[in-house]
């Protein structure tokens, strides 16, 4: 999933969101499993070259988060 931060000084609508991760699990044998998702947050900085072509640079904003969830297949 890619989310875009509009950057400082940009007016946007405020919205409450609940990020979701969809993990395809296929045909798993019965048992207990754990999904681990590594979440990195970036701000995309846009500058322009002499010909007005956009140049996008991703800047890491905070340390990586790790989300885990266990589930059972019966």
N, C-alpha and C. Protein backbone atom coordinates (compact mmCIF):
# COMPACT_ATOMS: atom_id res chain seq x y z
N UNK A 1 0.85 -1.16 0.00
CA UNK A 1 0.00 0.00 0.00
C UNK A 1 0.90 1.22 0.00
N UNK A 2 0.62 2.17 -0.82
CA UNK A 2 1.35 3.43 -0.84
C UNK A 2 0.40 4.55 -0.46
N UNK A 3 0.78 5.32 0.54
CA UNK A 3 0.03 6.50 0.93
C UNK A 3 0.90 7.70 0.62
N UNK A 4 0.30 8.79 0.23
CA UNK A 4 1.06 9.98 -0.11
C UNK A 4 0.79 11.08 0.88
N UNK A 5 1.85 11.64 1.47
CA UNK A 5 1.75 12.79 2.36
C UNK A 5 1.88 14.03 1.49
N UNK A 6 0.92 14.92 1.59
CA UNK A 6 0.91 16.09 0.71
C UNK A 6 1.99 17.10 1.05
N UNK A 7 2.57 17.02 2.24
CA UNK A 7 3.65 17.92 2.61
C UNK A 7 3.13 19.11 3.40
N UNK A 8 4.08 19.92 3.86
CA UNK A 8 3.74 21.07 4.68
C UNK A 8 3.06 22.16 3.86
N UNK A 9 2.09 22.84 4.49
CA UNK A 9 1.46 24.00 3.87
C UNK A 9 0.39 23.70 2.85
N UNK A 10 0.06 22.43 2.63
CA UNK A 10 -0.95 22.06 1.65
C UNK A 10 -2.27 21.83 2.39
N UNK A 11 -3.33 22.47 1.95
CA UNK A 11 -4.64 22.32 2.58
C UNK A 11 -5.31 21.06 2.04
N UNK A 12 -5.75 20.20 2.97
CA UNK A 12 -6.42 18.95 2.58
C UNK A 12 -7.61 18.72 3.51
N UNK A 13 -8.50 17.83 3.11
CA UNK A 13 -9.61 17.43 3.97
C UNK A 13 -9.08 16.49 5.04
N UNK A 14 -9.59 16.63 6.27
CA UNK A 14 -9.20 15.72 7.33
C UNK A 14 -10.09 14.50 7.27
N UNK A 15 -9.49 13.33 7.41
CA UNK A 15 -10.27 12.09 7.39
C UNK A 15 -9.65 11.10 8.37
N UNK A 16 -10.48 10.35 9.04
CA UNK A 16 -9.99 9.28 9.89
C UNK A 16 -9.90 8.02 9.05
N UNK A 17 -8.78 7.34 9.15
CA UNK A 17 -8.59 6.14 8.35
C UNK A 17 -8.15 4.99 9.24
N UNK A 18 -8.29 3.81 8.75
CA UNK A 18 -7.85 2.62 9.43
C UNK A 18 -7.06 1.79 8.42
N UNK A 19 -5.73 1.91 8.41
CA UNK A 19 -4.94 1.17 7.41
C UNK A 19 -5.20 -0.33 7.49
N UNK A 20 -5.20 -0.97 6.35
CA UNK A 20 -5.48 -2.40 6.26
C UNK A 20 -4.40 -3.07 5.44
N UNK A 21 -4.03 -4.26 5.83
CA UNK A 21 -3.10 -5.07 5.05
C UNK A 21 -3.83 -6.34 4.64
N UNK A 22 -3.82 -6.64 3.35
CA UNK A 22 -4.40 -7.89 2.86
C UNK A 22 -3.26 -8.83 2.53
N UNK A 23 -3.23 -9.98 3.16
CA UNK A 23 -2.16 -10.96 2.95
C UNK A 23 -2.76 -12.21 2.32
N UNK A 24 -2.41 -12.50 1.06
CA UNK A 24 -2.92 -13.73 0.44
C UNK A 24 -2.31 -14.94 1.15
N UNK A 25 -3.16 -15.86 1.56
CA UNK A 25 -2.65 -17.01 2.32
C UNK A 25 -2.77 -18.32 1.57
N UNK A 26 -3.46 -18.33 0.45
CA UNK A 26 -3.55 -19.56 -0.34
C UNK A 26 -4.21 -20.69 0.43
N UNK A 27 -3.76 -21.91 0.18
CA UNK A 27 -4.31 -23.11 0.83
C UNK A 27 -3.33 -23.58 1.91
N UNK A 28 -3.48 -23.08 3.12
CA UNK A 28 -2.59 -23.44 4.21
C UNK A 28 -3.08 -24.69 4.92
N UNK A 29 -2.13 -25.48 5.36
CA UNK A 29 -2.45 -26.64 6.19
C UNK A 29 -2.95 -26.15 7.54
N UNK A 30 -3.76 -26.96 8.23
CA UNK A 30 -4.22 -26.55 9.57
C UNK A 30 -3.03 -26.24 10.48
N UNK A 31 -3.20 -25.22 11.30
CA UNK A 31 -2.15 -24.84 12.23
C UNK A 31 -2.24 -23.38 12.60
N UNK A 32 -1.29 -22.92 13.40
CA UNK A 32 -1.23 -21.51 13.82
C UNK A 32 -0.15 -20.83 12.97
N UNK A 33 -0.46 -19.65 12.49
CA UNK A 33 0.45 -18.88 11.63
C UNK A 33 0.57 -17.45 12.16
N UNK A 34 1.65 -16.80 11.79
CA UNK A 34 1.84 -15.40 12.14
C UNK A 34 2.21 -14.62 10.88
N UNK A 35 1.55 -13.48 10.70
CA UNK A 35 1.87 -12.57 9.60
C UNK A 35 2.64 -11.40 10.21
N UNK A 36 3.72 -11.01 9.56
CA UNK A 36 4.52 -9.87 10.01
C UNK A 36 4.60 -8.87 8.87
N UNK A 37 4.20 -7.63 9.14
CA UNK A 37 4.20 -6.58 8.12
C UNK A 37 5.15 -5.48 8.57
N UNK A 38 6.07 -5.10 7.70
CA UNK A 38 7.02 -4.03 7.98
C UNK A 38 6.49 -2.74 7.34
N UNK A 39 6.27 -1.73 8.17
CA UNK A 39 5.65 -0.48 7.72
C UNK A 39 6.70 0.63 7.78
N UNK A 40 6.97 1.25 6.64
CA UNK A 40 7.87 2.40 6.57
C UNK A 40 7.06 3.60 6.11
N UNK A 41 7.37 4.76 6.65
CA UNK A 41 6.63 5.97 6.28
C UNK A 41 7.58 6.94 5.59
N UNK A 42 7.13 7.43 4.45
CA UNK A 42 7.93 8.35 3.66
C UNK A 42 7.12 9.59 3.31
N UNK A 43 7.81 10.68 3.11
CA UNK A 43 7.22 11.88 2.51
C UNK A 43 7.84 11.99 1.13
N UNK A 44 7.01 12.20 0.12
CA UNK A 44 7.52 12.40 -1.24
C UNK A 44 7.73 13.89 -1.47
N UNK A 45 8.96 14.29 -1.70
CA UNK A 45 9.29 15.68 -1.98
C UNK A 45 9.35 15.83 -3.50
N UNK A 46 8.67 16.85 -4.00
CA UNK A 46 8.67 17.09 -5.44
C UNK A 46 9.36 18.42 -5.71
N UNK A 47 10.39 18.36 -6.55
CA UNK A 47 11.05 19.57 -7.04
C UNK A 47 10.99 19.50 -8.56
N UNK A 48 11.44 20.54 -9.22
CA UNK A 48 11.35 20.59 -10.68
C UNK A 48 12.70 20.96 -11.27
N UNK A 49 13.04 20.32 -12.40
CA UNK A 49 14.29 20.65 -13.07
C UNK A 49 14.10 21.89 -13.94
N UNK A 50 15.12 22.26 -14.69
CA UNK A 50 15.09 23.48 -15.51
C UNK A 50 14.01 23.44 -16.58
N UNK A 51 13.57 22.23 -16.98
CA UNK A 51 12.53 22.09 -18.00
C UNK A 51 11.15 21.88 -17.39
N UNK A 52 11.01 22.14 -16.09
CA UNK A 52 9.75 21.98 -15.36
C UNK A 52 9.29 20.54 -15.24
N UNK A 53 10.20 19.58 -15.36
CA UNK A 53 9.87 18.18 -15.16
C UNK A 53 9.97 17.87 -13.66
N UNK A 54 8.96 17.17 -13.12
CA UNK A 54 9.01 16.88 -11.68
C UNK A 54 10.09 15.86 -11.33
N UNK A 55 10.74 16.09 -10.21
CA UNK A 55 11.73 15.16 -9.65
C UNK A 55 11.22 14.79 -8.27
N UNK A 56 10.90 13.50 -8.06
CA UNK A 56 10.33 13.05 -6.80
C UNK A 56 11.40 12.33 -5.98
N UNK A 57 11.51 12.71 -4.71
CA UNK A 57 12.47 12.10 -3.79
C UNK A 57 11.72 11.61 -2.56
N UNK A 58 11.89 10.35 -2.19
CA UNK A 58 11.24 9.79 -0.99
C UNK A 58 12.17 10.00 0.20
N UNK A 59 11.61 10.56 1.28
CA UNK A 59 12.38 10.78 2.51
C UNK A 59 11.73 9.99 3.63
N UNK A 60 12.52 9.12 4.27
CA UNK A 60 12.03 8.34 5.40
C UNK A 60 11.73 9.29 6.54
N UNK A 61 10.52 9.19 7.14
CA UNK A 61 10.12 10.15 8.16
C UNK A 61 10.24 9.61 9.58
N UNK A 62 9.97 8.33 9.79
CA UNK A 62 10.07 7.75 11.12
C UNK A 62 10.63 6.34 10.99
N UNK A 63 11.02 5.77 12.11
CA UNK A 63 11.54 4.41 12.09
C UNK A 63 10.46 3.42 11.66
N UNK A 64 10.90 2.32 11.10
CA UNK A 64 9.99 1.27 10.65
C UNK A 64 9.17 0.72 11.82
N UNK A 65 7.90 0.45 11.57
CA UNK A 65 7.03 -0.23 12.53
C UNK A 65 6.85 -1.66 12.05
N UNK A 66 6.67 -2.57 12.98
CA UNK A 66 6.39 -3.96 12.61
C UNK A 66 5.06 -4.35 13.23
N UNK A 67 4.12 -4.72 12.36
CA UNK A 67 2.80 -5.18 12.79
C UNK A 67 2.81 -6.70 12.71
N UNK A 68 2.29 -7.37 13.75
CA UNK A 68 2.18 -8.82 13.71
C UNK A 68 0.76 -9.24 14.08
N UNK A 69 0.36 -10.36 13.52
CA UNK A 69 -0.96 -10.91 13.82
C UNK A 69 -0.86 -12.43 13.66
N UNK A 70 -1.35 -13.15 14.66
CA UNK A 70 -1.41 -14.60 14.55
C UNK A 70 -2.84 -15.01 14.21
N UNK A 71 -2.95 -16.16 13.53
CA UNK A 71 -4.27 -16.68 13.18
C UNK A 71 -4.18 -18.19 13.08
N UNK A 72 -5.33 -18.82 13.23
CA UNK A 72 -5.41 -20.29 13.16
C UNK A 72 -6.18 -20.70 11.92
N UNK A 73 -5.69 -21.76 11.28
CA UNK A 73 -6.40 -22.40 10.18
C UNK A 73 -6.86 -23.75 10.70
N UNK A 74 -8.17 -24.01 10.59
CA UNK A 74 -8.70 -25.28 11.10
C UNK A 74 -9.10 -26.21 9.97
